[in-house]
Structure formats: structure tokens, C-alpha cells
Amino acid sequence: MDKKIHVESAGWDGVPSVADQTPKGHPAPRHNRFRQVKNPMDTQKNRELLIQFLATIKRPDLPLDGIADNDGLIKSGLIDSLAMLEIIAFLESRFAIDFSDTGVDPVELESIQKILDLIDRYAK
């Protein structure tokens, strides 16, 4: 029996959510569609997703490709402190990281590499 996939919408990156890929008439899985499986390919994919997201919130007059993974995002002027809130929301929704118990340490969000390390540690 062939199951037909029902796709109605896509996320900001054009990837349909699991709920959108669920066969019509069936409940969506309760897990996040971006569960973390730790392997080098996922780290590269996570980096690409993070870079794509940062491109949407960065200052328009600064190129993202001029920032190294260990450069401070705020110190470099790429983002401002309000953009940190957007990064937190992105990490919560994209990687199912729950900051409610641990809180947010701004040091963990200083650079692309530190954010990737955070994803590796806490993504569910």
C-alpha cells in the first residue's frame, strides 16, 4: 500500500516540516523535525543552517563571509545584542534546545563555533 505524502508548506529555509510530510489524516509526530544526530555531516549541515539564519539577521552593510567561525559576532559588529534573542529563538525552534532549565550564557553565543558547540551539547 503506497502512502501519499501531503506537503503544504515549508519553513524559512524551504524545507517542509515533519507535520507537513505526514500522510493526510494521520497525526504529526511529536518530535522536532531537526533532531540532532551527532556525526560530522550533521555538524556541517548545522553550520550551513546557522550561516543561512545569521544572513537573515546580520547588519546589511557587513558581509557574513568576512567573519571566521571563532570571531565574536557582536564584537565584529555583524549582529547587535537584540539579534541574540533571535538566535536563541532559532536554536529553540530549529534544534529543540530548551533553555528554560539551564538559562542562556551569552558567552556560548559569542561566535559561530561556540553556537555549534552548544548545538552539539544540548540539541535533543
PDB file of N, CA and C in Angstrom:
ATOM      1  N   MET A   1       0.839  -1.173   0.000  1.00  0.00           N
ATOM      2  CA  MET A   1       0.000   0.000   0.000  1.00  0.00           C
ATOM      3  C   MET A   1       0.886   1.239   0.000  1.00  0.00           C
ATOM      4  N   ASP A   2       0.732   2.099  -0.976  1.00  0.00           N
ATOM      5  CA  ASP A   2       1.524   3.324  -1.074  1.00  0.00           C
ATOM      6  C   ASP A   2       0.907   4.413  -0.210  1.00  0.00           C
ATOM      7  N   LYS A   3       1.768   5.081   0.560  1.00  0.00           N
ATOM      8  CA  LYS A   3       1.325   6.214   1.362  1.00  0.00           C
ATOM      9  C   LYS A   3       1.676   7.477   0.602  1.00  0.00           C
ATOM     10  N   LYS A   4       0.730   8.360   0.479  1.00  0.00           N
ATOM     11  CA  LYS A   4       0.976   9.625  -0.199  1.00  0.00           C
ATOM     12  C   LYS A   4       1.406  10.657   0.829  1.00  0.00           C
ATOM     13  N   ILE A   5       2.383  11.423   0.467  1.00  0.00           N
ATOM     14  CA  ILE A   5       2.894  12.467   1.340  1.00  0.00           C
ATOM     15  C   ILE A   5       2.139  13.753   1.032  1.00  0.00           C
ATOM     16  N   HIS A   6       1.650  14.372   2.071  1.00  0.00           N
ATOM     17  CA  HIS A   6       0.919  15.623   1.947  1.00  0.00           C
ATOM     18  C   HIS A   6       1.857  16.765   2.324  1.00  0.00           C
ATOM     19  N   VAL A   7       2.201  17.619   1.369  1.00  0.00           N
ATOM     20  CA  VAL A   7       3.101  18.736   1.622  1.00  0.00           C
ATOM     21  C   VAL A   7       2.372  20.026   1.275  1.00  0.00           C
ATOM     22  N   GLU A   8       2.202  20.901   2.293  1.00  0.00           N
ATOM     23  CA  GLU A   8       1.509  22.162   2.065  1.00  0.00           C
ATOM     24  C   GLU A   8       2.408  23.383   2.185  1.00  0.00           C
ATOM     25  N   SER A   9       3.387  23.308   3.081  1.00  0.00           N
ATOM     26  CA  SER A   9       4.195  24.498   3.314  1.00  0.00           C
ATOM     27  C   SER A   9       5.622  24.109   3.651  1.00  0.00           C
ATOM     28  N   ALA A  10       6.457  25.111   3.703  1.00  0.00           N
ATOM     29  CA  ALA A  10       7.862  24.882   4.028  1.00  0.00           C
ATOM     30  C   ALA A  10       8.305  25.928   5.030  1.00  0.00           C
ATOM     31  N   GLY A  11       9.379  25.640   5.750  1.00  0.00           N
ATOM     32  CA  GLY A  11       9.939  26.566   6.713  1.00  0.00           C
ATOM     33  C   GLY A  11      10.699  27.675   6.017  1.00  0.00           C
ATOM     34  N   TRP A  12      11.360  28.507   6.799  1.00  0.00           N
ATOM     35  CA  TRP A  12      12.069  29.657   6.236  1.00  0.00           C
ATOM     36  C   TRP A  12      13.141  29.245   5.248  1.00  0.00           C
ATOM     37  N   ASP A  13      13.649  28.001   5.387  1.00  0.00           N
ATOM     38  CA  ASP A  13      14.708  27.540   4.501  1.00  0.00           C
ATOM     39  C   ASP A  13      14.181  26.679   3.353  1.00  0.00           C
ATOM     40  N   GLY A  14      12.854  26.609   3.216  1.00  0.00           N
ATOM     41  CA  GLY A  14      12.264  25.854   2.125  1.00  0.00           C
ATOM     42  C   GLY A  14      12.112  24.372   2.402  1.00  0.00           C
ATOM     43  N   VAL A  15      12.436  23.926   3.619  1.00  0.00           N
ATOM     44  CA  VAL A  15      12.325  22.514   3.964  1.00  0.00           C
ATOM     45  C   VAL A  15      10.971  22.281   4.616  1.00  0.00           C
ATOM     46  N   PRO A  16      10.143  21.389   4.054  1.00  0.00           N
ATOM     47  CA  PRO A  16       8.843  21.121   4.670  1.00  0.00           C
ATOM     48  C   PRO A  16       9.027  20.521   6.061  1.00  0.00           C
ATOM     49  N   SER A  17       8.126  20.859   6.966  1.00  0.00           N
ATOM     50  CA  SER A  17       8.204  20.301   8.308  1.00  0.00           C
ATOM     51  C   SER A  17       7.705  18.868   8.300  1.00  0.00           C
ATOM     52  N   VAL A  18       8.014  18.132   9.368  1.00  0.00           N
ATOM     53  CA  VAL A  18       7.541  16.758   9.503  1.00  0.00           C
ATOM     54  C   VAL A  18       6.022  16.735   9.493  1.00  0.00           C
ATOM     55  N   ALA A  19       5.412  17.732  10.142  1.00  0.00           N
ATOM     56  CA  ALA A  19       3.956  17.792  10.164  1.00  0.00           C
ATOM     57  C   ALA A  19       3.399  17.902   8.754  1.00  0.00           C
ATOM     58  N   ASP A  20       4.094  18.629   7.886  1.00  0.00           N
ATOM     59  CA  ASP A  20       3.642  18.786   6.514  1.00  0.00           C
ATOM     60  C   ASP A  20       3.877  17.530   5.686  1.00  0.00           C
ATOM     61  N   GLN A  21       4.788  16.653   6.095  1.00  0.00           N
ATOM     62  CA  GLN A  21       5.100  15.451   5.347  1.00  0.00           C
ATOM     63  C   GLN A  21       4.352  14.230   5.872  1.00  0.00           C
ATOM     64  N   THR A  22       3.514  14.433   6.865  1.00  0.00           N
ATOM     65  CA  THR A  22       2.754  13.334   7.449  1.00  0.00           C
ATOM     66  C   THR A  22       1.629  12.954   6.496  1.00  0.00           C
ATOM     67  N   PRO A  23       1.393  11.642   6.301  1.00  0.00           N
ATOM     68  CA  PRO A  23       0.282  11.242   5.436  1.00  0.00           C
ATOM     69  C   PRO A  23      -1.007  11.894   5.910  1.00  0.00           C
ATOM     70  N   LYS A  24      -1.834  12.339   4.977  1.00  0.00           N
ATOM     71  CA  LYS A  24      -3.070  13.043   5.286  1.00  0.00           C
ATOM     72  C   LYS A  24      -3.946  12.181   6.188  1.00  0.00           C
ATOM     73  N   GLY A  25      -4.481  12.815   7.221  1.00  0.00           N
ATOM     74  CA  GLY A  25      -5.355  12.105   8.139  1.00  0.00           C
ATOM     75  C   GLY A  25      -4.630  11.462   9.307  1.00  0.00           C
ATOM     76  N   HIS A  26      -3.310  11.546   9.341  1.00  0.00           N
ATOM     77  CA  HIS A  26      -2.533  10.971  10.436  1.00  0.00           C
ATOM     78  C   HIS A  26      -1.955  12.098  11.279  1.00  0.00           C
ATOM     79  N   PRO A  27      -1.847  11.892  12.584  1.00  0.00           N
ATOM     80  CA  PRO A  27      -1.267  12.959  13.415  1.00  0.00           C
ATOM     81  C   PRO A  27       0.223  13.118  13.129  1.00  0.00           C
ATOM     82  N   ALA A  28       0.693  14.331  13.279  1.00  0.00           N
ATOM     83  CA  ALA A  28       2.118  14.609  13.080  1.00  0.00           C
ATOM     84  C   ALA A  28       2.912  14.022  14.232  1.00  0.00           C
ATOM     85  N   PRO A  29       4.131  13.577  13.967  1.00  0.00           N
ATOM     86  CA  PRO A  29       4.979  13.109  15.055  1.00  0.00           C
ATOM     87  C   PRO A  29       5.216  14.234  16.050  1.00  0.00           C
ATOM     88  N   ARG A  30       5.407  13.904  17.309  1.00  0.00           N
ATOM     89  CA  ARG A  30       5.580  14.906  18.343  1.00  0.00           C
ATOM     90  C   ARG A  30       7.019  15.387  18.440  1.00  0.00           C
ATOM     91  N   HIS A  31       7.953  14.733  17.815  1.00  0.00           N
ATOM     92  CA  HIS A  31       9.343  15.142  17.902  1.00  0.00           C
ATOM     93  C   HIS A  31       9.631  16.301  16.953  1.00  0.00           C
ATOM     94  N   ASN A  32      10.683  16.986  17.238  1.00  0.00           N
ATOM     95  CA  ASN A  32      11.106  18.099  16.393  1.00  0.00           C
ATOM     96  C   ASN A  32      11.711  17.552  15.105  1.00  0.00           C
ATOM     97  N   ARG A  33      11.444  18.203  13.997  1.00  0.00           N
ATOM     98  CA  ARG A  33      11.931  17.699  12.710  1.00  0.00           C
ATOM     99  C   ARG A  33      13.431  17.851  12.544  1.00  0.00           C
ATOM    100  N   PHE A  34      14.070  18.542  13.458  1.00  0.00           N
ATOM    101  CA  PHE A  34      15.504  18.757  13.339  1.00  0.00           C
ATOM    102  C   PHE A  34      16.250  18.121  14.500  1.00  0.00           C
ATOM    103  N   ARG A  35      15.863  16.932  14.874  1.00  0.00           N
ATOM    104  CA  ARG A  35      16.572  16.219  15.933  1.00  0.00           C
ATOM    105  C   ARG A  35      18.035  16.090  15.555  1.00  0.00           C
ATOM    106  N   GLN A  36      18.853  16.207  16.537  1.00  0.00           N
ATOM    107  CA  GLN A  36      20.291  16.180  16.310  1.00  0.00           C
ATOM    108  C   GLN A  36      20.818  14.754  16.374  1.00  0.00           C
ATOM    109  N   VAL A  37      21.492  14.331  15.360  1.00  0.00           N
ATOM    110  CA  VAL A  37      22.245  13.083  15.364  1.00  0.00           C
ATOM    111  C   VAL A  37      23.686  13.499  15.186  1.00  0.00           C
ATOM    112  N   LYS A  38      24.532  13.122  16.103  1.00  0.00           N
ATOM    113  CA  LYS A  38      25.888  13.652  16.090  1.00  0.00           C
ATOM    114  C   LYS A  38      26.794  12.883  15.141  1.00  0.00           C
ATOM    115  N   ASN A  39      27.125  13.488  14.063  1.00  0.00           N
ATOM    116  CA  ASN A  39      28.140  12.989  13.149  1.00  0.00           C
ATOM    117  C   ASN A  39      28.679  14.180  12.365  1.00  0.00           C
ATOM    118  N   PRO A  40      29.831  14.039  11.735  1.00  0.00           N
ATOM    119  CA  PRO A  40      30.450  15.186  11.051  1.00  0.00           C
ATOM    120  C   PRO A  40      29.575  15.819   9.974  1.00  0.00           C
ATOM    121  N   MET A  41      28.779  15.026   9.297  1.00  0.00           N
ATOM    122  CA  MET A  41      27.920  15.590   8.259  1.00  0.00           C
ATOM    123  C   MET A  41      26.866  16.503   8.882  1.00  0.00           C
ATOM    124  N   ASP A  42      26.348  16.110  10.057  1.00  0.00           N
ATOM    125  CA  ASP A  42      25.368  16.948  10.725  1.00  0.00           C
ATOM    126  C   ASP A  42      25.996  18.245  11.206  1.00  0.00           C
ATOM    127  N   THR A  43      27.230  18.185  11.671  1.00  0.00           N
ATOM    128  CA  THR A  43      27.905  19.405  12.102  1.00  0.00           C
ATOM    129  C   THR A  43      28.025  20.377  10.939  1.00  0.00           C
ATOM    130  N   GLN A  44      28.374  19.888   9.776  1.00  0.00           N
ATOM    131  CA  GLN A  44      28.468  20.745   8.596  1.00  0.00           C
ATOM    132  C   GLN A  44      27.092  21.280   8.200  1.00  0.00           C
ATOM    133  N   LYS A  45      26.081  20.431   8.265  1.00  0.00           N
ATOM    134  CA  LYS A  45      24.715  20.859   7.940  1.00  0.00           C
ATOM    135  C   LYS A  45      24.246  21.910   8.948  1.00  0.00           C
ATOM    136  N   ASN A  46      24.546  21.681  10.233  1.00  0.00           N
ATOM    137  CA  ASN A  46      24.174  22.650  11.265  1.00  0.00           C
ATOM    138  C   ASN A  46      24.870  23.984  11.024  1.00  0.00           C
ATOM    139  N   ARG A  47      26.121  23.938  10.597  1.00  0.00           N
ATOM    140  CA  ARG A  47      26.859  25.170  10.299  1.00  0.00           C
ATOM    141  C   ARG A  47      26.185  25.911   9.144  1.00  0.00           C
ATOM    142  N   GLU A  48      25.818  25.168   8.110  1.00  0.00           N
ATOM    143  CA  GLU A  48      25.147  25.781   6.960  1.00  0.00           C
ATOM    144  C   GLU A  48      23.823  26.416   7.366  1.00  0.00           C
ATOM    145  N   LEU A  49      23.036  25.710   8.194  1.00  0.00           N
ATOM    146  CA  LEU A  49      21.759  26.252   8.662  1.00  0.00           C
ATOM    147  C   LEU A  49      21.978  27.511   9.498  1.00  0.00           C
ATOM    148  N   LEU A  50      22.989  27.479  10.362  1.00  0.00           N
ATOM    149  CA  LEU A  50      23.289  28.635  11.200  1.00  0.00           C
ATOM    150  C   LEU A  50      23.725  29.825  10.351  1.00  0.00           C
ATOM    151  N   ILE A  51      24.584  29.595   9.382  1.00  0.00           N
ATOM    152  CA  ILE A  51      25.039  30.673   8.491  1.00  0.00           C
ATOM    153  C   ILE A  51      23.861  31.251   7.711  1.00  0.00           C
ATOM    154  N   GLN A  52      22.991  30.394   7.211  1.00  0.00           N
ATOM    155  CA  GLN A  52      21.803  30.877   6.489  1.00  0.00           C
ATOM    156  C   GLN A  52      20.948  31.750   7.398  1.00  0.00           C
ATOM    157  N   PHE A  53      20.782  31.320   8.637  1.00  0.00           N
ATOM    158  CA  PHE A  53      19.985  32.108   9.579  1.00  0.00           C
ATOM    159  C   PHE A  53      20.665  33.438   9.899  1.00  0.00           C
ATOM    160  N   LEU A  54      21.963  33.393  10.192  1.00  0.00           N
ATOM    161  CA  LEU A  54      22.681  34.629  10.512  1.00  0.00           C
ATOM    162  C   LEU A  54      22.590  35.633   9.369  1.00  0.00           C
ATOM    163  N   ALA A  55      22.555  35.145   8.153  1.00  0.00           N
ATOM    164  CA  ALA A  55      22.442  36.040   6.992  1.00  0.00           C
ATOM    165  C   ALA A  55      21.123  36.817   7.016  1.00  0.00           C
ATOM    166  N   THR A  56      20.109  36.262   7.669  1.00  0.00           N
ATOM    167  CA  THR A  56      18.806  36.946   7.730  1.00  0.00           C
ATOM    168  C   THR A  56      18.736  37.987   8.837  1.00  0.00           C
ATOM    169  N   ILE A  57      19.654  37.935   9.823  1.00  0.00           N
ATOM    170  CA  ILE A  57      19.579  38.865  10.957  1.00  0.00           C
ATOM    171  C   ILE A  57      20.796  39.784  11.066  1.00  0.00           C
ATOM    172  N   LYS A  58      21.791  39.598  10.231  1.00  0.00           N
ATOM    173  CA  LYS A  58      23.019  40.394  10.327  1.00  0.00           C
ATOM    174  C   LYS A  58      22.792  41.818   9.829  1.00  0.00           C
ATOM    175  N   ARG A  59      23.732  42.678  10.167  1.00  0.00           N
ATOM    176  CA  ARG A  59      23.692  44.028   9.618  1.00  0.00           C
ATOM    177  C   ARG A  59      23.864  43.947   8.107  1.00  0.00           C
ATOM    178  N   PRO A  60      23.057  44.646   7.367  1.00  0.00           N
ATOM    179  CA  PRO A  60      23.114  44.526   5.906  1.00  0.00           C
ATOM    180  C   PRO A  60      24.401  45.049   5.275  1.00  0.00           C
ATOM    181  N   ASP A  61      25.117  45.921   5.979  1.00  0.00           N
ATOM    182  CA  ASP A  61      26.323  46.506   5.387  1.00  0.00           C
ATOM    183  C   ASP A  61      27.589  45.693   5.663  1.00  0.00           C
ATOM    184  N   LEU A  62      27.475  44.574   6.401  1.00  0.00           N
ATOM    185  CA  LEU A  62      28.640  43.744   6.686  1.00  0.00           C
ATOM    186  C   LEU A  62      28.487  42.376   6.032  1.00  0.00           C
ATOM    187  N   PRO A  63      29.505  41.946   5.294  1.00  0.00           N
ATOM    188  CA  PRO A  63      29.423  40.623   4.664  1.00  0.00           C
ATOM    189  C   PRO A  63      29.657  39.512   5.687  1.00  0.00           C
ATOM    190  N   LEU A  64      28.855  38.485   5.596  1.00  0.00           N
ATOM    191  CA  LEU A  64      28.981  37.346   6.502  1.00  0.00           C
ATOM    192  C   LEU A  64      30.233  36.534   6.204  1.00  0.00           C
ATOM    193  N   ASP A  65      30.664  36.526   4.958  1.00  0.00           N
ATOM    194  CA  ASP A  65      31.837  35.717   4.600  1.00  0.00           C
ATOM    195  C   ASP A  65      33.149  36.302   5.141  1.00  0.00           C
ATOM    196  N   GLY A  66      33.105  37.495   5.710  1.00  0.00           N
ATOM    197  CA  GLY A  66      34.300  38.083   6.306  1.00  0.00           C
ATOM    198  C   GLY A  66      34.486  37.702   7.766  1.00  0.00           C
ATOM    199  N   ILE A  67      33.572  36.903   8.302  1.00  0.00           N
ATOM    200  CA  ILE A  67      33.611  36.506   9.705  1.00  0.00           C
ATOM    201  C   ILE A  67      34.084  35.061   9.812  1.00  0.00           C
ATOM    202  N   ALA A  68      35.139  34.845  10.590  1.00  0.00           N
ATOM    203  CA  ALA A  68      35.620  33.479  10.841  1.00  0.00           C
ATOM    204  C   ALA A  68      34.755  32.835  11.919  1.00  0.00           C
ATOM    205  N   ASP A  69      34.787  31.521  11.990  1.00  0.00           N
ATOM    206  CA  ASP A  69      33.958  30.793  12.952  1.00  0.00           C
ATOM    207  C   ASP A  69      34.227  31.184  14.396  1.00  0.00           C
ATOM    208  N   ASN A  70      35.430  31.631  14.707  1.00  0.00           N
ATOM    209  CA  ASN A  70      35.761  31.987  16.093  1.00  0.00           C
ATOM    210  C   ASN A  70      35.684  33.485  16.368  1.00  0.00           C
ATOM    211  N   ASP A  71      35.333  34.285  15.381  1.00  0.00           N
ATOM    212  CA  ASP A  71      35.190  35.724  15.588  1.00  0.00           C
ATOM    213  C   ASP A  71      33.925  36.012  16.391  1.00  0.00           C
ATOM    214  N   GLY A  72      34.000  36.998  17.266  1.00  0.00           N
ATOM    215  CA  GLY A  72      32.833  37.407  18.035  1.00  0.00           C
ATOM    216  C   GLY A  72      31.796  38.043  17.119  1.00  0.00           C
ATOM    217  N   LEU A  73      30.571  37.579  17.207  1.00  0.00           N
ATOM    218  CA  LEU A  73      29.520  38.090  16.325  1.00  0.00           C
ATOM    219  C   LEU A  73      29.143  39.527  16.669  1.00  0.00           C
ATOM    220  N   ILE A  74      29.067  39.840  17.967  1.00  0.00           N
ATOM    221  CA  ILE A  74      28.749  41.208  18.376  1.00  0.00           C
ATOM    222  C   ILE A  74      29.981  42.096  18.264  1.00  0.00           C
ATOM    223  N   LYS A  75      31.130  41.594  18.714  1.00  0.00           N
ATOM    224  CA  LYS A  75      32.365  42.388  18.655  1.00  0.00           C
ATOM    225  C   LYS A  75      32.720  42.786  17.231  1.00  0.00           C
ATOM    226  N   SER A  76      32.415  41.910  16.274  1.00  0.00           N
ATOM    227  CA  SER A  76      32.712  42.210  14.872  1.00  0.00           C
ATOM    228  C   SER A  76      31.712  43.198  14.286  1.00  0.00           C
ATOM    229  N   GLY A  77      30.603  43.410  15.004  1.00  0.00           N
ATOM    230  CA  GLY A  77      29.566  44.305  14.508  1.00  0.00           C
ATOM    231  C   GLY A  77      28.568  43.617  13.587  1.00  0.00           C
ATOM    232  N   LEU A  78      28.716  42.323  13.388  1.00  0.00           N
ATOM    233  CA  LEU A  78      27.822  41.599  12.481  1.00  0.00           C
ATOM    234  C   LEU A  78      26.381  41.624  12.973  1.00  0.00           C
ATOM    235  N   ILE A  79      26.205  41.450  14.285  1.00  0.00           N
ATOM    236  CA  ILE A  79      24.863  41.496  14.869  1.00  0.00           C
ATOM    237  C   ILE A  79      24.899  42.393  16.095  1.00  0.00           C
ATOM    238  N   ASP A  80      23.706  42.770  16.571  1.00  0.00           N
ATOM    239  CA  ASP A  80      23.624  43.532  17.810  1.00  0.00           C
ATOM    240  C   ASP A  80      23.050  42.632  18.901  1.00  0.00           C
ATOM    241  N   SER A  81      22.943  43.165  20.100  1.00  0.00           N
ATOM    242  CA  SER A  81      22.502  42.349  21.228  1.00  0.00           C
ATOM    243  C   SER A  81      21.065  41.855  21.065  1.00  0.00           C
ATOM    244  N   LEU A  82      20.226  42.599  20.375  1.00  0.00           N
ATOM    245  CA  LEU A  82      18.855  42.133  20.149  1.00  0.00           C
ATOM    246  C   LEU A  82      18.816  40.912  19.230  1.00  0.00           C
ATOM    247  N   ALA A  83      19.764  40.823  18.340  1.00  0.00           N
ATOM    248  CA  ALA A  83      19.833  39.652  17.456  1.00  0.00           C
ATOM    249  C   ALA A  83      20.127  38.379  18.240  1.00  0.00           C
ATOM    250  N   MET A  84      20.744  38.516  19.420  1.00  0.00           N
ATOM    251  CA  MET A  84      20.994  37.345  20.268  1.00  0.00           C
ATOM    252  C   MET A  84      19.679  36.667  20.638  1.00  0.00           C
ATOM    253  N   LEU A  85      18.641  37.461  20.876  1.00  0.00           N
ATOM    254  CA  LEU A  85      17.330  36.885  21.194  1.00  0.00           C
ATOM    255  C   LEU A  85      16.792  36.083  20.015  1.00  0.00           C
ATOM    256  N   GLU A  86      17.027  36.579  18.823  1.00  0.00           N
ATOM    257  CA  GLU A  86      16.613  35.850  17.635  1.00  0.00           C
ATOM    258  C   GLU A  86      17.395  34.543  17.484  1.00  0.00           C
ATOM    259  N   ILE A  87      18.671  34.568  17.836  1.00  0.00           N
ATOM    260  CA  ILE A  87      19.490  33.352  17.787  1.00  0.00           C
ATOM    261  C   ILE A  87      18.953  32.329  18.785  1.00  0.00           C
ATOM    262  N   ILE A  88      18.602  32.787  19.978  1.00  0.00           N
ATOM    263  CA  ILE A  88      18.056  31.884  20.990  1.00  0.00           C
ATOM    264  C   ILE A  88      16.758  31.252  20.485  1.00  0.00           C
ATOM    265  N   ALA A  89      15.872  32.068  19.931  1.00  0.00           N
ATOM    266  CA  ALA A  89      14.610  31.539  19.402  1.00  0.00           C
ATOM    267  C   ALA A  89      14.869  30.539  18.269  1.00  0.00           C
ATOM    268  N   PHE A  90      15.840  30.844  17.423  1.00  0.00           N
ATOM    269  CA  PHE A  90      16.220  29.936  16.337  1.00  0.00           C
ATOM    270  C   PHE A  90      16.707  28.598  16.898  1.00  0.00           C
ATOM    271  N   LEU A  91      17.570  28.624  17.900  1.00  0.00           N
ATOM    272  CA  LEU A  91      18.098  27.392  18.485  1.00  0.00           C
ATOM    273  C   LEU A  91      17.001  26.576  19.157  1.00  0.00           C
ATOM    274  N   GLU A  92      16.064  27.262  19.797  1.00  0.00           N
ATOM    275  CA  GLU A  92      14.957  26.557  20.440  1.00  0.00           C
ATOM    276  C   GLU A  92      14.050  25.886  19.425  1.00  0.00           C
ATOM    277  N   SER A  93      13.736  26.594  18.350  1.00  0.00           N
ATOM    278  CA  SER A  93      12.811  26.025  17.370  1.00  0.00           C
ATOM    279  C   SER A  93      13.475  25.049  16.413  1.00  0.00           C
ATOM    280  N   ARG A  94      14.675  25.342  15.979  1.00  0.00           N
ATOM    281  CA  ARG A  94      15.349  24.523  14.974  1.00  0.00           C
ATOM    282  C   ARG A  94      15.955  23.253  15.563  1.00  0.00           C
ATOM    283  N   PHE A  95      16.540  23.368  16.760  1.00  0.00           N
ATOM    284  CA  PHE A  95      17.278  22.249  17.341  1.00  0.00           C
ATOM    285  C   PHE A  95      16.666  21.722  18.636  1.00  0.00           C
ATOM    286  N   ALA A  96      15.500  22.224  18.992  1.00  0.00           N
ATOM    287  CA  ALA A  96      14.775  21.800  20.195  1.00  0.00           C
ATOM    288  C   ALA A  96      15.631  21.939  21.451  1.00  0.00           C
ATOM    289  N   ILE A  97      16.440  22.982  21.509  1.00  0.00           N
ATOM    290  CA  ILE A  97      17.232  23.244  22.704  1.00  0.00           C
ATOM    291  C   ILE A  97      16.329  23.984  23.688  1.00  0.00           C
ATOM    292  N   ASP A  98      16.239  23.465  24.899  1.00  0.00           N
ATOM    293  CA  ASP A  98      15.386  24.052  25.925  1.00  0.00           C
ATOM    294  C   ASP A  98      16.259  24.813  26.914  1.00  0.00           C
ATOM    295  N   PHE A  99      16.155  26.121  26.880  1.00  0.00           N
ATOM    296  CA  PHE A  99      16.960  26.960  27.756  1.00  0.00           C
ATOM    297  C   PHE A  99      16.253  27.243  29.078  1.00  0.00           C
ATOM    298  N   SER A 100      15.045  26.740  29.265  1.00  0.00           N
ATOM    299  CA  SER A 100      14.281  27.071  30.466  1.00  0.00           C
ATOM    300  C   SER A 100      14.941  26.559  31.741  1.00  0.00           C
ATOM    301  N   ASP A 101      15.600  25.421  31.695  1.00  0.00           N
ATOM    302  CA  ASP A 101      16.253  24.888  32.893  1.00  0.00           C
ATOM    303  C   ASP A 101      17.663  25.439  33.092  1.00  0.00           C
ATOM    304  N   THR A 102      18.396  25.589  32.011  1.00  0.00           N
ATOM    305  CA  THR A 102      19.803  25.980  32.113  1.00  0.00           C
ATOM    306  C   THR A 102      20.021  27.485  32.009  1.00  0.00           C
ATOM    307  N   GLY A 103      19.085  28.198  31.425  1.00  0.00           N
ATOM    308  CA  GLY A 103      19.292  29.608  31.151  1.00  0.00           C
ATOM    309  C   GLY A 103      20.221  29.767  29.951  1.00  0.00           C
ATOM    310  N   VAL A 104      20.500  30.995  29.609  1.00  0.00           N
ATOM    311  CA  VAL A 104      21.346  31.279  28.457  1.00  0.00           C
ATOM    312  C   VAL A 104      22.606  31.983  28.927  1.00  0.00           C
ATOM    313  N   ASP A 105      23.735  31.427  28.563  1.00  0.00           N
ATOM    314  CA  ASP A 105      25.024  32.069  28.849  1.00  0.00           C
ATOM    315  C   ASP A 105      25.456  32.780  27.572  1.00  0.00           C
ATOM    316  N   PRO A 106      25.495  34.119  27.580  1.00  0.00           N
ATOM    317  CA  PRO A 106      25.861  34.855  26.360  1.00  0.00           C
ATOM    318  C   PRO A 106      27.208  34.444  25.779  1.00  0.00           C
ATOM    319  N   VAL A 107      28.109  33.954  26.610  1.00  0.00           N
ATOM    320  CA  VAL A 107      29.418  33.521  26.136  1.00  0.00           C
ATOM    321  C   VAL A 107      29.260  32.362  25.148  1.00  0.00           C
ATOM    322  N   GLU A 108      28.241  31.515  25.365  1.00  0.00           N
ATOM    323  CA  GLU A 108      28.014  30.379  24.471  1.00  0.00           C
ATOM    324  C   GLU A 108      27.485  30.801  23.101  1.00  0.00           C
ATOM    325  N   LEU A 109      27.117  32.072  22.962  1.00  0.00           N
ATOM    326  CA  LEU A 109      26.565  32.570  21.707  1.00  0.00           C
ATOM    327  C   LEU A 109      27.482  33.603  21.051  1.00  0.00           C
ATOM    328  N   GLU A 110      28.711  33.694  21.521  1.00  0.00           N
ATOM    329  CA  GLU A 110      29.638  34.715  21.037  1.00  0.00           C
ATOM    330  C   GLU A 110      30.067  34.541  19.593  1.00  0.00           C
ATOM    331  N   SER A 111      30.201  33.302  19.157  1.00  0.00           N
ATOM    332  CA  SER A 111      30.741  33.053  17.819  1.00  0.00           C
ATOM    333  C   SER A 111      30.001  31.890  17.168  1.00  0.00           C
ATOM    334  N   ILE A 112      30.230  31.736  15.888  1.00  0.00           N
ATOM    335  CA  ILE A 112      29.636  30.618  15.155  1.00  0.00           C
ATOM    336  C   ILE A 112      30.080  29.299  15.770  1.00  0.00           C
ATOM    337  N   GLN A 113      31.358  29.171  16.075  1.00  0.00           N
ATOM    338  CA  GLN A 113      31.866  27.921  16.640  1.00  0.00           C
ATOM    339  C   GLN A 113      31.253  27.624  18.003  1.00  0.00           C
ATOM    340  N   LYS A 114      31.117  28.638  18.839  1.00  0.00           N
ATOM    341  CA  LYS A 114      30.532  28.412  20.166  1.00  0.00           C
ATOM    342  C   LYS A 114      29.068  28.014  20.051  1.00  0.00           C
ATOM    343  N   ILE A 115      28.359  28.581  19.099  1.00  0.00           N
ATOM    344  CA  ILE A 115      26.955  28.189  18.890  1.00  0.00           C
ATOM    345  C   ILE A 115      26.885  26.746  18.398  1.00  0.00           C
ATOM    346  N   LEU A 116      27.779  26.362  17.488  1.00  0.00           N
ATOM    347  CA  LEU A 116      27.809  24.969  17.016  1.00  0.00           C
ATOM    348  C   LEU A 116      28.146  24.009  18.159  1.00  0.00           C
ATOM    349  N   ASP A 117      29.049  24.411  19.049  1.00  0.00           N
ATOM    350  CA  ASP A 117      29.370  23.588  20.221  1.00  0.00           C
ATOM    351  C   ASP A 117      28.147  23.435  21.120  1.00  0.00           C
ATOM    352  N   LEU A 118      27.405  24.519  21.283  1.00  0.00           N
ATOM    353  CA  LEU A 118      26.180  24.476  22.080  1.00  0.00           C
ATOM    354  C   LEU A 118      25.170  23.521  21.464  1.00  0.00           C
ATOM    355  N   ILE A 119      25.020  23.590  20.162  1.00  0.00           N
ATOM    356  CA  ILE A 119      24.108  22.673  19.462  1.00  0.00           C
ATOM    357  C   ILE A 119      24.535  21.227  19.698  1.00  0.00           C
ATOM    358  N   ASP A 120      25.811  20.948  19.577  1.00  0.00           N
ATOM    359  CA  ASP A 120      26.311  19.583  19.795  1.00  0.00           C
ATOM    360  C   ASP A 120      26.028  19.089  21.207  1.00  0.00           C
ATOM    361  N   ARG A 121      26.122  19.988  22.192  1.00  0.00           N
ATOM    362  CA  ARG A 121      25.907  19.593  23.586  1.00  0.00           C
ATOM    363  C   ARG A 121      24.446  19.423  23.954  1.00  0.00           C
ATOM    364  N   TYR A 122      23.591  20.295  23.482  1.00  0.00           N
ATOM    365  CA  TYR A 122      22.234  20.354  24.018  1.00  0.00           C
ATOM    366  C   TYR A 122      21.113  19.961  23.079  1.00  0.00           C
ATOM    367  N   ALA A 123      21.363  19.861  21.806  1.00  0.00           N
ATOM    368  CA  ALA A 123      20.269  19.530  20.895  1.00  0.00           C
ATOM    369  C   ALA A 123      19.738  18.147  21.231  1.00  0.00           C
ATOM    370  N   LYS A 124      18.425  18.046  21.230  1.00  0.00           N
ATOM    371  CA  LYS A 124      17.764  16.783  21.605  1.00  0.00           C
ATOM    372  C   LYS A 124      17.637  15.866  20.421  1.00  0.00           C
TER     373      LYS A 124
END
